[in-house]
C-alpha atoms as a PDB file:
ATOM      1  CA  UNK A   1      -3.665   8.515  -5.982  1.00  0.00           C
ATOM      2  CA  UNK A   2      -7.193   9.229  -7.638  1.00  0.00           C
ATOM      3  CA  UNK A   3      -6.003   9.188 -11.320  1.00  0.00           C
ATOM      4  CA  UNK A   4      -5.365   4.942 -10.727  1.00  0.00           C
ATOM      5  CA  UNK A   5      -7.518   2.752 -11.500  1.00  0.00           C
ATOM      6  CA  UNK A   6      -5.728  -0.438 -11.574  1.00  0.00           C
ATOM      7  CA  UNK A   7      -3.197  -1.802  -9.110  1.00  0.00           C
ATOM      8  CA  UNK A   8      -0.684  -2.266 -12.761  1.00  0.00           C
ATOM      9  CA  UNK A   9      -1.804   1.566 -12.883  1.00  0.00           C
ATOM     10  CA  UNK A  10      -0.626   2.277  -9.086  1.00  0.00           C
ATOM     11  CA  UNK A  11       2.956   0.228  -9.920  1.00  0.00           C
ATOM     12  CA  UNK A  12       3.286   2.998 -12.271  1.00  0.00           C
ATOM     13  CA  UNK A  13       2.113   5.738 -10.525  1.00  0.00           C
ATOM     14  CA  UNK A  14       4.223   4.334  -6.697  1.00  0.00           C
ATOM     15  CA  UNK A  15       7.596   3.943  -9.338  1.00  0.00           C
ATOM     16  CA  UNK A  16       7.085   7.578 -10.372  1.00  0.00           C
ATOM     17  CA  UNK A  17       6.560   8.877  -6.743  1.00  0.00           C
ATOM     18  CA  UNK A  18       9.054   6.808  -5.135  1.00  0.00           C
ATOM     19  CA  UNK A  19       5.797   5.363  -3.138  1.00  0.00           C
ATOM     20  CA  UNK A  20       5.911   1.028  -2.244  1.00  0.00           C
ATOM     21  CA  UNK A  21       2.881  -1.033  -1.655  1.00  0.00           C
ATOM     22  CA  UNK A  22       2.961  -2.190   1.550  1.00  0.00           C
ATOM     23  CA  UNK A  23       2.042  -5.534   2.619  1.00  0.00           C
ATOM     24  CA  UNK A  24       2.366  -8.643   5.171  1.00  0.00           C
ATOM     25  CA  UNK A  25       5.875 -10.069   4.621  1.00  0.00           C
ATOM     26  CA  UNK A  26       4.960 -13.593   3.001  1.00  0.00           C
ATOM     27  CA  UNK A  27       1.549 -13.199   1.880  1.00  0.00           C
ATOM     28  CA  UNK A  28       1.092 -15.083  -1.418  1.00  0.00           C
ATOM     29  CA  UNK A  29      -0.386 -12.605  -3.741  1.00  0.00           C
ATOM     30  CA  UNK A  30       1.725 -10.600  -3.511  1.00  0.00           C
ATOM     31  CA  UNK A  31       4.248 -12.938  -5.080  1.00  0.00           C
ATOM     32  CA  UNK A  32       1.519 -13.077  -7.546  1.00  0.00           C
ATOM     33  CA  UNK A  33       1.289  -9.907  -8.171  1.00  0.00           C
ATOM     34  CA  UNK A  34       4.815  -9.271  -8.547  1.00  0.00           C
ATOM     35  CA  UNK A  35       5.983 -12.186 -10.653  1.00  0.00           C
ATOM     36  CA  UNK A  36       3.331 -11.829 -13.007  1.00  0.00           C
ATOM     37  CA  UNK A  37       4.819  -8.006 -13.792  1.00  0.00           C
ATOM     38  CA  UNK A  38       2.299  -6.507 -11.908  1.00  0.00           C
ATOM     39  CA  UNK A  39       3.399  -4.632  -9.663  1.00  0.00           C
ATOM     40  CA  UNK A  40       7.460  -4.448  -9.743  1.00  0.00           C
ATOM     41  CA  UNK A  41       9.379  -5.399  -7.126  1.00  0.00           C
ATOM     42  CA  UNK A  42      10.968  -2.009  -6.148  1.00  0.00           C
ATOM     43  CA  UNK A  43       7.391  -0.866  -4.945  1.00  0.00           C
ATOM     44  CA  UNK A  44       6.941  -4.184  -2.655  1.00  0.00           C
ATOM     45  CA  UNK A  45       7.871  -3.892   1.089  1.00  0.00           C
ATOM     46  CA  UNK A  46       6.790  -6.347   2.840  1.00  0.00           C
ATOM     47  CA  UNK A  47       7.035  -4.954   6.328  1.00  0.00           C
ATOM     48  CA  UNK A  48       3.445  -3.971   7.237  1.00  0.00           C
ATOM     49  CA  UNK A  49       2.891  -5.087  11.074  1.00  0.00           C
ATOM     50  CA  UNK A  50      -0.560  -3.693  11.230  1.00  0.00           C
ATOM     51  CA  UNK A  51      -0.139  -0.766  12.627  1.00  0.00           C
ATOM     52  CA  UNK A  52      -0.622   2.621  10.533  1.00  0.00           C
ATOM     53  CA  UNK A  53       2.394   4.170  11.401  1.00  0.00           C
ATOM     54  CA  UNK A  54       4.333   3.454   7.746  1.00  0.00           C
ATOM     55  CA  UNK A  55       1.601   4.736   6.506  1.00  0.00           C
ATOM     56  CA  UNK A  56       0.177   7.873   8.320  1.00  0.00           C
ATOM     57  CA  UNK A  57       4.144   8.829   8.095  1.00  0.00           C
ATOM     58  CA  UNK A  58       4.263   8.198   4.348  1.00  0.00           C
ATOM     59  CA  UNK A  59       1.914  11.109   3.959  1.00  0.00           C
ATOM     60  CA  UNK A  60      -0.230   9.591   1.010  1.00  0.00           C
ATOM     61  CA  UNK A  61       2.619   8.378  -0.538  1.00  0.00           C
ATOM     62  CA  UNK A  62       2.651   4.885  -0.206  1.00  0.00           C
ATOM     63  CA  UNK A  63      -0.302   2.252  -0.183  1.00  0.00           C
ATOM     64  CA  UNK A  64      -1.183  -0.656   2.015  1.00  0.00           C
ATOM     65  CA  UNK A  65      -2.771  -3.377   2.402  1.00  0.00           C
ATOM     66  CA  UNK A  66      -5.702  -3.877   4.442  1.00  0.00           C
ATOM     67  CA  UNK A  67      -9.171  -4.882   4.886  1.00  0.00           C
ATOM     68  CA  UNK A  68     -11.797  -2.347   2.797  1.00  0.00           C
ATOM     69  CA  UNK A  69     -13.848  -3.209   6.549  1.00  0.00           C
ATOM     70  CA  UNK A  70     -11.227  -2.225   8.660  1.00  0.00           C
ATOM     71  CA  UNK A  71      -8.237   0.185   7.812  1.00  0.00           C
ATOM     72  CA  UNK A  72      -9.976   2.874   6.286  1.00  0.00           C
ATOM     73  CA  UNK A  73     -12.819   3.172   9.136  1.00  0.00           C
ATOM     74  CA  UNK A  74      -9.866   2.855  11.526  1.00  0.00           C
ATOM     75  CA  UNK A  75      -7.841   5.727   9.715  1.00  0.00           C
ATOM     76  CA  UNK A  76      -9.879   7.942   9.723  1.00  0.00           C
ATOM     77  CA  UNK A  77     -12.115   7.431  12.793  1.00  0.00           C
ATOM     78  CA  UNK A  78      -9.513   6.216  15.621  1.00  0.00           C
ATOM     79  CA  UNK A  79      -6.038   7.662  14.366  1.00  0.00           C
ATOM     80  CA  UNK A  80      -5.874  11.388  14.773  1.00  0.00           C
ATOM     81  CA  UNK A  81      -2.550  11.447  13.142  1.00  0.00           C
ATOM     82  CA  UNK A  82      -4.246  10.346   9.669  1.00  0.00           C
ATOM     83  CA  UNK A  83      -7.325  12.887   9.704  1.00  0.00           C
END
């Protein structure tokens, strides 16, 4: 979503495209983002388990929590299916 410049904007884009934000269930910050109206509940998916499989299979439609110092590098350099 290169046109997105905020988390709220990401929520709107995901709603439009049918994507989700995948995260570790129980993450306190996601409760905040939902309850404050920044992300709509229908785009939240607490099923992230630390593996890239669901993100890769979504083909760029979904967003996913991660560490800026880990997941981008890992996906680009170690996950051949993401490429």
